[in-house]
PDB file of N, CA and C in Angstrom:
ATOM      1  N   UNK A   1     -47.414 191.769  -8.531  1.00  0.00           N
ATOM      2  CA  UNK A   1     -46.001 191.450  -8.859  1.00  0.00           C
ATOM      3  C   UNK A   1     -44.828 190.827  -8.178  1.00  0.00           C
ATOM      4  N   UNK A   2     -45.034 191.103  -6.873  1.00  0.00           N
ATOM      5  CA  UNK A   2     -43.961 190.230  -5.894  1.00  0.00           C
ATOM      6  C   UNK A   2     -44.282 188.920  -6.343  1.00  0.00           C
ATOM      7  N   UNK A   3     -45.618 188.530  -6.305  1.00  0.00           N
ATOM      8  CA  UNK A   3     -45.605 186.870  -6.544  1.00  0.00           C
ATOM      9  C   UNK A   3     -45.478 186.360  -7.910  1.00  0.00           C
ATOM     10  N   UNK A   4     -45.470 187.374  -8.778  1.00  0.00           N
ATOM     11  CA  UNK A   4     -44.902 186.737 -10.224  1.00  0.00           C
ATOM     12  C   UNK A   4     -43.479 186.631 -10.341  1.00  0.00           C
ATOM     13  N   UNK A   5     -42.877 187.756  -9.462  1.00  0.00           N
ATOM     14  CA  UNK A   5     -41.338 187.547  -9.185  1.00  0.00           C
ATOM     15  C   UNK A   5     -40.784 186.412  -8.514  1.00  0.00           C
ATOM     16  N   UNK A   6     -41.532 186.117  -7.346  1.00  0.00           N
ATOM     17  CA  UNK A   6     -41.204 184.862  -6.630  1.00  0.00           C
ATOM     18  C   UNK A   6     -41.534 183.540  -7.419  1.00  0.00           C
ATOM     19  N   UNK A   7     -42.281 183.521  -8.290  1.00  0.00           N
ATOM     20  CA  UNK A   7     -42.823 182.388  -9.164  1.00  0.00           C
ATOM     21  C   UNK A   7     -41.573 182.228 -10.386  1.00  0.00           C
ATOM     22  N   UNK A   8     -41.218 183.424 -10.868  1.00  0.00           N
ATOM     23  CA  UNK A   8     -40.228 183.696 -11.920  1.00  0.00           C
ATOM     24  C   UNK A   8     -38.884 182.778 -11.458  1.00  0.00           C
ATOM     25  N   UNK A   9     -38.518 183.465 -10.094  1.00  0.00           N
ATOM     26  CA  UNK A   9     -37.342 182.882  -9.573  1.00  0.00           C
ATOM     27  C   UNK A   9     -37.416 181.435  -9.174  1.00  0.00           C
ATOM     28  N   UNK A  10     -38.356 181.027  -8.812  1.00  0.00           N
ATOM     29  CA  UNK A  10     -38.735 179.662  -8.066  1.00  0.00           C
ATOM     30  C   UNK A  10     -38.576 178.678  -9.502  1.00  0.00           C
ATOM     31  N   UNK A  11     -38.956 179.024 -10.681  1.00  0.00           N
ATOM     32  CA  UNK A  11     -39.018 178.389 -11.985  1.00  0.00           C
ATOM     33  C   UNK A  11     -37.456 178.445 -12.476  1.00  0.00           C
ATOM     34  N   UNK A  12     -36.832 179.570 -12.218  1.00  0.00           N
ATOM     35  CA  UNK A  12     -35.465 179.724 -12.908  1.00  0.00           C
ATOM     36  C   UNK A  12     -34.649 178.578 -11.706  1.00  0.00           C
ATOM     37  N   UNK A  13     -34.771 178.674 -10.594  1.00  0.00           N
ATOM     38  CA  UNK A  13     -33.824 177.897  -9.821  1.00  0.00           C
ATOM     39  C   UNK A  13     -34.396 176.397  -9.751  1.00  0.00           C
ATOM     40  N   UNK A  14     -35.571 176.085 -10.173  1.00  0.00           N
ATOM     41  CA  UNK A  14     -35.942 174.670 -10.604  1.00  0.00           C
ATOM     42  C   UNK A  14     -34.949 174.189 -11.600  1.00  0.00           C
ATOM     43  N   UNK A  15     -34.951 175.052 -12.847  1.00  0.00           N
ATOM     44  CA  UNK A  15     -34.390 174.734 -13.984  1.00  0.00           C
ATOM     45  C   UNK A  15     -32.787 174.562 -13.667  1.00  0.00           C
ATOM     46  N   UNK A  16     -32.230 175.479 -12.804  1.00  0.00           N
ATOM     47  CA  UNK A  16     -30.996 175.257 -12.556  1.00  0.00           C
ATOM     48  C   UNK A  16     -30.475 174.271 -11.540  1.00  0.00           C
ATOM     49  N   UNK A  17     -31.466 173.708 -10.758  1.00  0.00           N
ATOM     50  CA  UNK A  17     -31.516 172.447 -10.063  1.00  0.00           C
ATOM     51  C   UNK A  17     -31.378 171.510 -10.926  1.00  0.00           C
ATOM     52  N   UNK A  18     -32.410 171.226 -11.894  1.00  0.00           N
ATOM     53  CA  UNK A  18     -32.089 170.152 -12.803  1.00  0.00           C
ATOM     54  C   UNK A  18     -30.713 169.773 -13.466  1.00  0.00           C
ATOM     55  N   UNK A  19     -30.657 171.131 -14.095  1.00  0.00           N
ATOM     56  CA  UNK A  19     -29.123 171.126 -14.740  1.00  0.00           C
ATOM     57  C   UNK A  19     -27.936 170.923 -14.023  1.00  0.00           C
ATOM     58  N   UNK A  20     -28.066 171.453 -12.919  1.00  0.00           N
ATOM     59  CA  UNK A  20     -26.883 171.078 -11.943  1.00  0.00           C
ATOM     60  C   UNK A  20     -26.618 169.538 -11.681  1.00  0.00           C
ATOM     61  N   UNK A  21     -27.905 168.941 -11.370  1.00  0.00           N
ATOM     62  CA  UNK A  21     -27.842 167.543 -10.945  1.00  0.00           C
ATOM     63  C   UNK A  21     -27.354 166.623 -12.324  1.00  0.00           C
ATOM     64  N   UNK A  22     -27.784 166.942 -13.540  1.00  0.00           N
ATOM     65  CA  UNK A  22     -27.190 166.150 -14.401  1.00  0.00           C
ATOM     66  C   UNK A  22     -25.934 166.513 -14.610  1.00  0.00           C
ATOM     67  N   UNK A  23     -25.358 167.784 -14.445  1.00  0.00           N
ATOM     68  CA  UNK A  23     -23.950 168.044 -14.481  1.00  0.00           C
ATOM     69  C   UNK A  23     -22.987 167.256 -13.512  1.00  0.00           C
ATOM     70  N   UNK A  24     -23.585 167.022 -12.383  1.00  0.00           N
ATOM     71  CA  UNK A  24     -23.050 166.401 -11.395  1.00  0.00           C
ATOM     72  C   UNK A  24     -22.926 164.956 -11.556  1.00  0.00           C
ATOM     73  N   UNK A  25     -24.126 164.487 -12.247  1.00  0.00           N
ATOM     74  CA  UNK A  25     -23.985 162.947 -12.392  1.00  0.00           C
ATOM     75  C   UNK A  25     -23.349 162.700 -13.606  1.00  0.00           C
ATOM     76  N   UNK A  26     -23.105 163.499 -14.638  1.00  0.00           N
ATOM     77  CA  UNK A  26     -22.244 163.191 -15.745  1.00  0.00           C
ATOM     78  C   UNK A  26     -20.804 163.559 -15.361  1.00  0.00           C
ATOM     79  N   UNK A  27     -20.479 164.352 -14.797  1.00  0.00           N
ATOM     80  CA  UNK A  27     -18.982 164.798 -14.568  1.00  0.00           C
ATOM     81  C   UNK A  27     -18.360 163.930 -13.498  1.00  0.00           C
ATOM     82  N   UNK A  28     -19.388 164.158 -12.261  1.00  0.00           N
ATOM     83  CA  UNK A  28     -18.492 163.393 -11.155  1.00  0.00           C
ATOM     84  C   UNK A  28     -19.038 161.994 -11.092  1.00  0.00           C
ATOM     85  N   UNK A  29     -20.244 161.805 -11.365  1.00  0.00           N
ATOM     86  CA  UNK A  29     -20.737 160.214 -11.541  1.00  0.00           C
ATOM     87  C   UNK A  29     -20.270 159.436 -12.451  1.00  0.00           C
ATOM     88  N   UNK A  30     -20.335 159.769 -13.927  1.00  0.00           N
ATOM     89  CA  UNK A  30     -19.925 158.974 -14.772  1.00  0.00           C
ATOM     90  C   UNK A  30     -18.348 159.022 -14.942  1.00  0.00           C
ATOM     91  N   UNK A  31     -17.838 160.072 -14.689  1.00  0.00           N
ATOM     92  CA  UNK A  31     -16.321 160.354 -14.848  1.00  0.00           C
ATOM     93  C   UNK A  31     -15.556 159.687 -13.494  1.00  0.00           C
ATOM     94  N   UNK A  32     -16.174 159.552 -12.580  1.00  0.00           N
ATOM     95  CA  UNK A  32     -15.347 159.227 -11.043  1.00  0.00           C
ATOM     96  C   UNK A  32     -15.766 157.914 -10.629  1.00  0.00           C
ATOM     97  N   UNK A  33     -17.238 158.307 -10.197  1.00  0.00           N
ATOM     98  CA  UNK A  33     -17.729 157.442  -9.208  1.00  0.00           C
ATOM     99  C   UNK A  33     -18.077 155.928  -9.921  1.00  0.00           C
ATOM    100  N   UNK A  34     -18.585 155.957 -11.255  1.00  0.00           N
ATOM    101  CA  UNK A  34     -19.258 154.554 -11.764  1.00  0.00           C
ATOM    102  C   UNK A  34     -18.155 154.267 -13.001  1.00  0.00           C
ATOM    103  N   UNK A  35     -16.778 154.813 -13.157  1.00  0.00           N
ATOM    104  CA  UNK A  35     -16.056 154.438 -13.920  1.00  0.00           C
ATOM    105  C   UNK A  35     -15.685 153.100 -14.053  1.00  0.00           C
ATOM    106  N   UNK A  36     -15.653 152.476 -13.192  1.00  0.00           N
ATOM    107  CA  UNK A  36     -15.412 151.157 -13.199  1.00  0.00           C
ATOM    108  C   UNK A  36     -16.250 150.246 -13.817  1.00  0.00           C
ATOM    109  N   UNK A  37     -17.732 150.374 -13.559  1.00  0.00           N
ATOM    110  CA  UNK A  37     -18.660 149.963 -14.178  1.00  0.00           C
ATOM    111  C   UNK A  37     -18.877 150.199 -15.621  1.00  0.00           C
ATOM    112  N   UNK A  38     -18.727 151.427 -15.834  1.00  0.00           N
ATOM    113  CA  UNK A  38     -18.718 151.957 -17.338  1.00  0.00           C
ATOM    114  C   UNK A  38     -17.381 151.489 -18.284  1.00  0.00           C
ATOM    115  N   UNK A  39     -16.520 151.181 -17.614  1.00  0.00           N
ATOM    116  CA  UNK A  39     -15.449 150.736 -18.307  1.00  0.00           C
ATOM    117  C   UNK A  39     -15.753 149.476 -19.087  1.00  0.00           C
ATOM    118  N   UNK A  40     -16.704 148.530 -18.389  1.00  0.00           N
ATOM    119  CA  UNK A  40     -16.892 147.295 -19.148  1.00  0.00           C
ATOM    120  C   UNK A  40     -17.558 147.485 -20.339  1.00  0.00           C
ATOM    121  N   UNK A  41     -18.029 148.561 -20.862  1.00  0.00           N
ATOM    122  CA  UNK A  41     -18.664 148.831 -22.137  1.00  0.00           C
ATOM    123  C   UNK A  41     -17.726 149.673 -22.920  1.00  0.00           C
ATOM    124  N   UNK A  42     -17.522 149.164 -24.201  1.00  0.00           N
ATOM    125  CA  UNK A  42     -16.799 150.093 -25.175  1.00  0.00           C
ATOM    126  C   UNK A  42     -17.448 150.793 -25.989  1.00  0.00           C
ATOM    127  N   UNK A  43     -16.938 152.184 -26.269  1.00  0.00           N
ATOM    128  CA  UNK A  43     -17.374 152.789 -27.271  1.00  0.00           C
ATOM    129  C   UNK A  43     -16.374 153.403 -28.154  1.00  0.00           C
ATOM    130  N   UNK A  44     -16.651 153.029 -29.426  1.00  0.00           N
ATOM    131  CA  UNK A  44     -15.232 153.351 -30.540  1.00  0.00           C
ATOM    132  C   UNK A  44     -14.085 152.754 -30.181  1.00  0.00           C
ATOM    133  N   UNK A  45     -14.093 151.724 -29.332  1.00  0.00           N
ATOM    134  CA  UNK A  45     -12.941 150.967 -29.050  1.00  0.00           C
ATOM    135  C   UNK A  45     -12.327 151.368 -27.587  1.00  0.00           C
ATOM    136  N   UNK A  46     -13.029 152.353 -26.980  1.00  0.00           N
ATOM    137  CA  UNK A  46     -12.528 152.919 -25.679  1.00  0.00           C
ATOM    138  C   UNK A  46     -13.421 152.607 -24.755  1.00  0.00           C
ATOM    139  N   UNK A  47     -13.069 152.256 -23.503  1.00  0.00           N
ATOM    140  CA  UNK A  47     -13.870 152.270 -22.219  1.00  0.00           C
ATOM    141  C   UNK A  47     -14.877 153.512 -21.840  1.00  0.00           C
ATOM    142  N   UNK A  48     -16.210 153.197 -21.761  1.00  0.00           N
ATOM    143  CA  UNK A  48     -17.032 154.056 -21.631  1.00  0.00           C
ATOM    144  C   UNK A  48     -16.811 155.201 -20.636  1.00  0.00           C
ATOM    145  N   UNK A  49     -16.192 154.844 -19.487  1.00  0.00           N
ATOM    146  CA  UNK A  49     -16.227 155.726 -18.436  1.00  0.00           C
ATOM    147  C   UNK A  49     -14.778 156.553 -18.905  1.00  0.00           C
ATOM    148  N   UNK A  50     -13.918 156.120 -19.412  1.00  0.00           N
ATOM    149  CA  UNK A  50     -12.762 157.079 -20.013  1.00  0.00           C
ATOM    150  C   UNK A  50     -13.226 158.049 -20.980  1.00  0.00           C
ATOM    151  N   UNK A  51     -14.197 157.570 -21.993  1.00  0.00           N
ATOM    152  CA  UNK A  51     -14.864 158.225 -22.883  1.00  0.00           C
ATOM    153  C   UNK A  51     -15.536 159.516 -22.127  1.00  0.00           C
ATOM    154  N   UNK A  52     -16.397 159.003 -21.254  1.00  0.00           N
ATOM    155  CA  UNK A  52     -17.182 160.188 -20.511  1.00  0.00           C
ATOM    156  C   UNK A  52     -16.278 161.134 -19.998  1.00  0.00           C
ATOM    157  N   UNK A  53     -15.174 160.574 -19.368  1.00  0.00           N
ATOM    158  CA  UNK A  53     -14.218 161.359 -18.556  1.00  0.00           C
ATOM    159  C   UNK A  53     -13.414 162.515 -19.495  1.00  0.00           C
ATOM    160  N   UNK A  54     -13.185 162.033 -20.794  1.00  0.00           N
ATOM    161  CA  UNK A  54     -12.489 162.796 -21.738  1.00  0.00           C
ATOM    162  C   UNK A  54     -13.110 163.593 -22.789  1.00  0.00           C
ATOM    163  N   UNK A  55     -14.419 162.716 -23.341  1.00  0.00           N
ATOM    164  CA  UNK A  55     -15.003 163.642 -24.276  1.00  0.00           C
ATOM    165  C   UNK A  55     -16.640 163.729 -23.921  1.00  0.00           C
ATOM    166  N   UNK A  56     -16.958 162.585 -23.380  1.00  0.00           N
ATOM    167  CA  UNK A  56     -18.718 162.791 -23.327  1.00  0.00           C
ATOM    168  C   UNK A  56     -19.192 163.747 -22.273  1.00  0.00           C
ATOM    169  N   UNK A  57     -18.511 163.914 -21.300  1.00  0.00           N
ATOM    170  CA  UNK A  57     -18.835 165.056 -20.526  1.00  0.00           C
ATOM    171  C   UNK A  57     -18.839 166.618 -21.279  1.00  0.00           C
ATOM    172  N   UNK A  58     -18.047 166.946 -22.059  1.00  0.00           N
ATOM    173  CA  UNK A  58     -18.040 167.918 -22.856  1.00  0.00           C
ATOM    174  C   UNK A  58     -19.189 168.089 -23.736  1.00  0.00           C
ATOM    175  N   UNK A  59     -19.605 166.838 -24.396  1.00  0.00           N
ATOM    176  CA  UNK A  59     -20.773 167.119 -25.182  1.00  0.00           C
ATOM    177  C   UNK A  59     -21.953 167.284 -24.298  1.00  0.00           C
ATOM    178  N   UNK A  60     -22.152 166.514 -23.299  1.00  0.00           N
ATOM    179  CA  UNK A  60     -23.244 166.746 -22.271  1.00  0.00           C
ATOM    180  C   UNK A  60     -23.481 168.391 -21.847  1.00  0.00           C
ATOM    181  N   UNK A  61     -22.264 168.856 -21.579  1.00  0.00           N
ATOM    182  CA  UNK A  61     -22.224 170.238 -21.073  1.00  0.00           C
ATOM    183  C   UNK A  61     -22.530 171.307 -22.491  1.00  0.00           C
ATOM    184  N   UNK A  62     -22.242 170.862 -23.368  1.00  0.00           N
ATOM    185  CA  UNK A  62     -22.645 171.736 -24.731  1.00  0.00           C
ATOM    186  C   UNK A  62     -24.161 171.747 -24.763  1.00  0.00           C
ATOM    187  N   UNK A  63     -24.629 170.425 -24.619  1.00  0.00           N
ATOM    188  CA  UNK A  63     -26.188 170.202 -24.957  1.00  0.00           C
ATOM    189  C   UNK A  63     -26.849 170.755 -23.570  1.00  0.00           C
ATOM    190  N   UNK A  64     -26.146 170.826 -22.547  1.00  0.00           N
ATOM    191  CA  UNK A  64     -26.915 171.594 -21.256  1.00  0.00           C
ATOM    192  C   UNK A  64     -27.165 173.089 -21.570  1.00  0.00           C
ATOM    193  N   UNK A  65     -26.270 173.477 -22.167  1.00  0.00           N
ATOM    194  CA  UNK A  65     -25.953 175.026 -22.415  1.00  0.00           C
ATOM    195  C   UNK A  65     -27.367 175.504 -23.330  1.00  0.00           C
ATOM    196  N   UNK A  66     -27.512 174.493 -24.421  1.00  0.00           N
ATOM    197  CA  UNK A  66     -28.512 174.976 -25.389  1.00  0.00           C
ATOM    198  C   UNK A  66     -29.969 174.470 -24.707  1.00  0.00           C
ATOM    199  N   UNK A  67     -29.984 173.495 -23.985  1.00  0.00           N
ATOM    200  CA  UNK A  67     -31.326 173.169 -23.212  1.00  0.00           C
ATOM    201  C   UNK A  67     -31.355 174.357 -22.100  1.00  0.00           C
ATOM    202  N   UNK A  68     -30.521 174.621 -21.670  1.00  0.00           N
ATOM    203  CA  UNK A  68     -30.776 176.358 -20.441  1.00  0.00           C
ATOM    204  C   UNK A  68     -31.529 177.263 -21.277  1.00  0.00           C
ATOM    205  N   UNK A  69     -30.782 177.598 -22.383  1.00  0.00           N
ATOM    206  CA  UNK A  69     -31.208 178.995 -23.327  1.00  0.00           C
ATOM    207  C   UNK A  69     -32.442 178.679 -23.761  1.00  0.00           C
ATOM    208  N   UNK A  70     -32.839 177.412 -24.368  1.00  0.00           N
ATOM    209  CA  UNK A  70     -34.154 177.156 -24.563  1.00  0.00           C
ATOM    210  C   UNK A  70     -35.146 177.282 -23.633  1.00  0.00           C
ATOM    211  N   UNK A  71     -34.762 176.649 -22.449  1.00  0.00           N
ATOM    212  CA  UNK A  71     -35.966 176.538 -21.340  1.00  0.00           C
ATOM    213  C   UNK A  71     -36.047 177.955 -20.789  1.00  0.00           C
ATOM    214  N   UNK A  72     -35.001 178.742 -20.552  1.00  0.00           N
ATOM    215  CA  UNK A  72     -34.954 180.196 -19.918  1.00  0.00           C
ATOM    216  C   UNK A  72     -35.813 180.857 -20.959  1.00  0.00           C
ATOM    217  N   UNK A  73     -35.579 180.818 -22.229  1.00  0.00           N
ATOM    218  CA  UNK A  73     -36.584 181.788 -23.218  1.00  0.00           C
ATOM    219  C   UNK A  73     -37.964 181.261 -22.862  1.00  0.00           C
ATOM    220  N   UNK A  74     -38.415 180.129 -22.512  1.00  0.00           N
ATOM    221  CA  UNK A  74     -39.569 179.769 -22.495  1.00  0.00           C
ATOM    222  C   UNK A  74     -40.053 180.256 -21.242  1.00  0.00           C
ATOM    223  N   UNK A  75     -39.424 180.260 -20.100  1.00  0.00           N
ATOM    224  CA  UNK A  75     -39.584 180.811 -18.835  1.00  0.00           C
ATOM    225  C   UNK A  75     -39.917 182.277 -18.908  1.00  0.00           C
ATOM    226  N   UNK A  76     -38.997 183.106 -19.620  1.00  0.00           N
ATOM    227  CA  UNK A  76     -39.057 184.392 -19.717  1.00  0.00           C
ATOM    228  C   UNK A  76     -40.400 184.757 -20.165  1.00  0.00           C
ATOM    229  N   UNK A  77     -40.905 184.019 -21.385  1.00  0.00           N
ATOM    230  CA  UNK A  77     -42.004 184.367 -22.249  1.00  0.00           C
ATOM    231  C   UNK A  77     -43.300 183.937 -21.384  1.00  0.00           C
ATOM    232  N   UNK A  78     -43.189 182.708 -20.507  1.00  0.00           N
ATOM    233  CA  UNK A  78     -44.269 182.569 -19.822  1.00  0.00           C
ATOM    234  C   UNK A  78     -44.519 183.607 -18.423  1.00  0.00           C
ATOM    235  N   UNK A  79     -43.385 184.573 -18.150  1.00  0.00           N
ATOM    236  CA  UNK A  79     -43.352 185.470 -17.215  1.00  0.00           C
ATOM    237  C   UNK A  79     -43.471 186.752 -17.729  1.00  0.00           C
ATOM    238  N   UNK A  80     -43.481 186.823 -18.924  1.00  0.00           N
ATOM    239  CA  UNK A  80     -43.422 188.049 -19.882  1.00  0.00           C
ATOM    240  C   UNK A  80     -42.211 189.089 -19.509  1.00  0.00           C
ATOM    241  N   UNK A  81     -41.086 188.384 -19.360  1.00  0.00           N
ATOM    242  CA  UNK A  81     -39.750 189.402 -19.012  1.00  0.00           C
ATOM    243  C   UNK A  81     -38.825 189.044 -20.311  1.00  0.00           C
ATOM    244  N   UNK A  82     -39.543 188.626 -21.285  1.00  0.00           N
ATOM    245  CA  UNK A  82     -38.622 188.142 -22.525  1.00  0.00           C
ATOM    246  C   UNK A  82     -38.094 189.360 -23.360  1.00  0.00           C
ATOM    247  N   UNK A  83     -36.926 189.340 -23.955  1.00  0.00           N
ATOM    248  CA  UNK A  83     -36.541 190.263 -25.021  1.00  0.00           C
ATOM    249  C   UNK A  83     -37.008 190.138 -26.235  1.00  0.00           C
ATOM    250  N   UNK A  84     -37.509 191.006 -27.052  1.00  0.00           N
ATOM    251  CA  UNK A  84     -38.098 190.926 -28.335  1.00  0.00           C
ATOM    252  C   UNK A  84     -36.813 191.090 -29.221  1.00  0.00           C
TER     253      UNK A  84
END
């Protein structure tokens, strides 16, 4: 049982690590670090760096929430800790 618990938390932390990396790249990377490069590309008439800072990061964060919920459901079923 203890090995199963460790494997469950390892899978959960692996998922959280991936999500946090994407979150960092989108919020800090696209919105701050790479804004000058991204501003050379236009999206709907607006510079892409500005769009990510104002709108795009919100869409990505919402997508991450749904992705997290789906993958956690899969992990829960894999380790038989899911709710019916």
